[in-house]
Protein backbone atom coordinates (compact mmCIF):
# COMPACT_ATOMS: atom_id res chain seq x y z
CA MET A 1 -41.37 70.19 42.62
CA THR A 2 -42.52 73.15 39.78
CA PHE A 3 -42.76 72.71 35.95
CA THR A 4 -39.53 74.76 35.84
CA GLU A 5 -37.63 72.76 38.20
CA LEU A 6 -38.87 69.52 36.11
CA LYS A 7 -37.94 70.78 33.14
CA GLU A 8 -34.22 71.69 33.96
CA ARG A 9 -33.70 68.65 35.75
CA THR A 10 -34.66 66.72 32.39
CA CYS A 11 -32.53 69.01 30.30
CA SER A 12 -29.61 68.36 32.36
CA ASN A 13 -29.78 64.41 32.14
CA LEU A 14 -30.26 64.78 28.49
CA GLU A 15 -27.06 66.78 27.85
CA GLY A 16 -24.22 65.22 26.29
CA GLU A 17 -24.82 61.93 24.35
CA VAL A 18 -27.99 59.78 24.56
CA THR A 19 -27.42 56.35 23.04
CA LEU A 20 -30.34 53.60 22.32
CA SER A 21 -29.21 50.37 21.48
CA ARG A 22 -31.09 48.60 18.39
CA VAL A 23 -32.71 46.34 21.29
CA ASN A 24 -34.09 49.18 23.16
CA ILE A 25 -35.14 50.80 19.91
CA VAL A 26 -37.29 47.61 18.77
CA LEU A 27 -38.56 47.33 22.27
CA LEU A 28 -39.35 51.09 22.53
CA GLY A 29 -41.37 50.65 19.26
CA ALA A 30 -43.09 47.54 19.89
CA VAL A 31 -44.38 49.00 23.26
CA LEU A 32 -45.66 51.89 21.47
CA LEU A 33 -47.24 49.48 18.62
CA LEU A 34 -49.09 47.50 21.33
CA ALA A 35 -50.12 50.50 23.10
CA GLY A 36 -51.72 52.31 19.80
CA ILE A 37 -53.55 48.92 19.24
CA CYS A 38 -54.81 48.83 22.59
CA LEU A 39 -55.90 52.25 22.90
CA GLY A 40 -57.59 51.90 19.37
CA LEU A 41 -59.69 49.00 20.30
CA LEU A 42 -60.58 50.68 23.61
CA ALA A 43 -61.76 53.51 21.82
CA ALA A 44 -63.65 52.06 18.48
CA PRO A 45 -66.89 51.16 20.46
CA VAL A 46 -67.03 54.88 21.63
CA THR A 47 -67.27 55.92 17.75
CA HIS A 48 -70.14 53.66 16.94
CA GLY A 49 -72.07 54.31 19.91
CA ILE A 50 -71.83 51.73 22.68
CA THR A 51 -74.18 48.60 22.65
CA ILE A 52 -74.40 46.00 25.51
CA GLY A 53 -75.91 42.64 23.53
CA SER A 54 -75.81 41.17 20.24
CA HIS A 55 -78.75 42.53 18.44
CA ASN A 56 -78.51 39.48 15.78
CA GLY A 57 -82.21 39.21 14.54
CA CYS A 58 -83.15 37.09 17.71
CA ASN A 59 -86.32 38.77 19.49
CA ASN A 60 -86.39 37.00 22.55
CA ALA A 61 -85.63 39.60 24.69
CA ASN A 62 -86.77 43.25 25.49
CA ASN A 63 -84.49 44.78 22.71
CA ASN A 64 -87.02 46.95 20.93
CA GLY A 65 -87.69 48.99 23.96
CA ASN A 66 -91.75 48.64 23.18
CA GLY A 67 -92.14 46.72 26.75
CA SER A 68 -93.17 43.49 25.29
CA GLY A 69 -91.52 40.40 27.10
CA ASN A 70 -90.21 37.64 26.21
CA ALA A 71 -91.40 36.62 22.41
CA ASN A 72 -91.58 33.06 23.44
CA ASP A 73 -94.11 33.35 26.65
CA GLY A 74 -97.26 32.87 24.27
CA GLY A 75 -98.29 36.54 24.51
CA SER A 76 -96.58 39.99 25.58
CA TYR A 77 -96.92 41.59 28.81
CA HIS A 78 -97.13 44.84 29.51
CA SER A 79 -96.73 46.48 32.81
CA ASP A 80 -100.38 48.93 32.71
CA ARG A 81 -102.22 45.97 31.74
CA ALA A 82 -102.57 41.95 32.29
CA GLU A 83 -101.31 39.45 29.61
CA ASP A 84 -102.65 39.46 26.09
């Protein structure tokens, strides 16, 4: 099926009166509203950069990227040298 055939079939289906009941209009509006909310929630992290983890100031993991180990292990460990 080509695009022109699809367009012709759609136009032939919409000839004459097309009526929607009030319930159908309300349901369509609710579906569109919920779809917009879902898309907005999915797109929001992308606008600020996606971060996995809480980064709440508790530096007990390798959050800062300098290669240090756990802050509670009594010393830092780097892969190129032994424990401090």
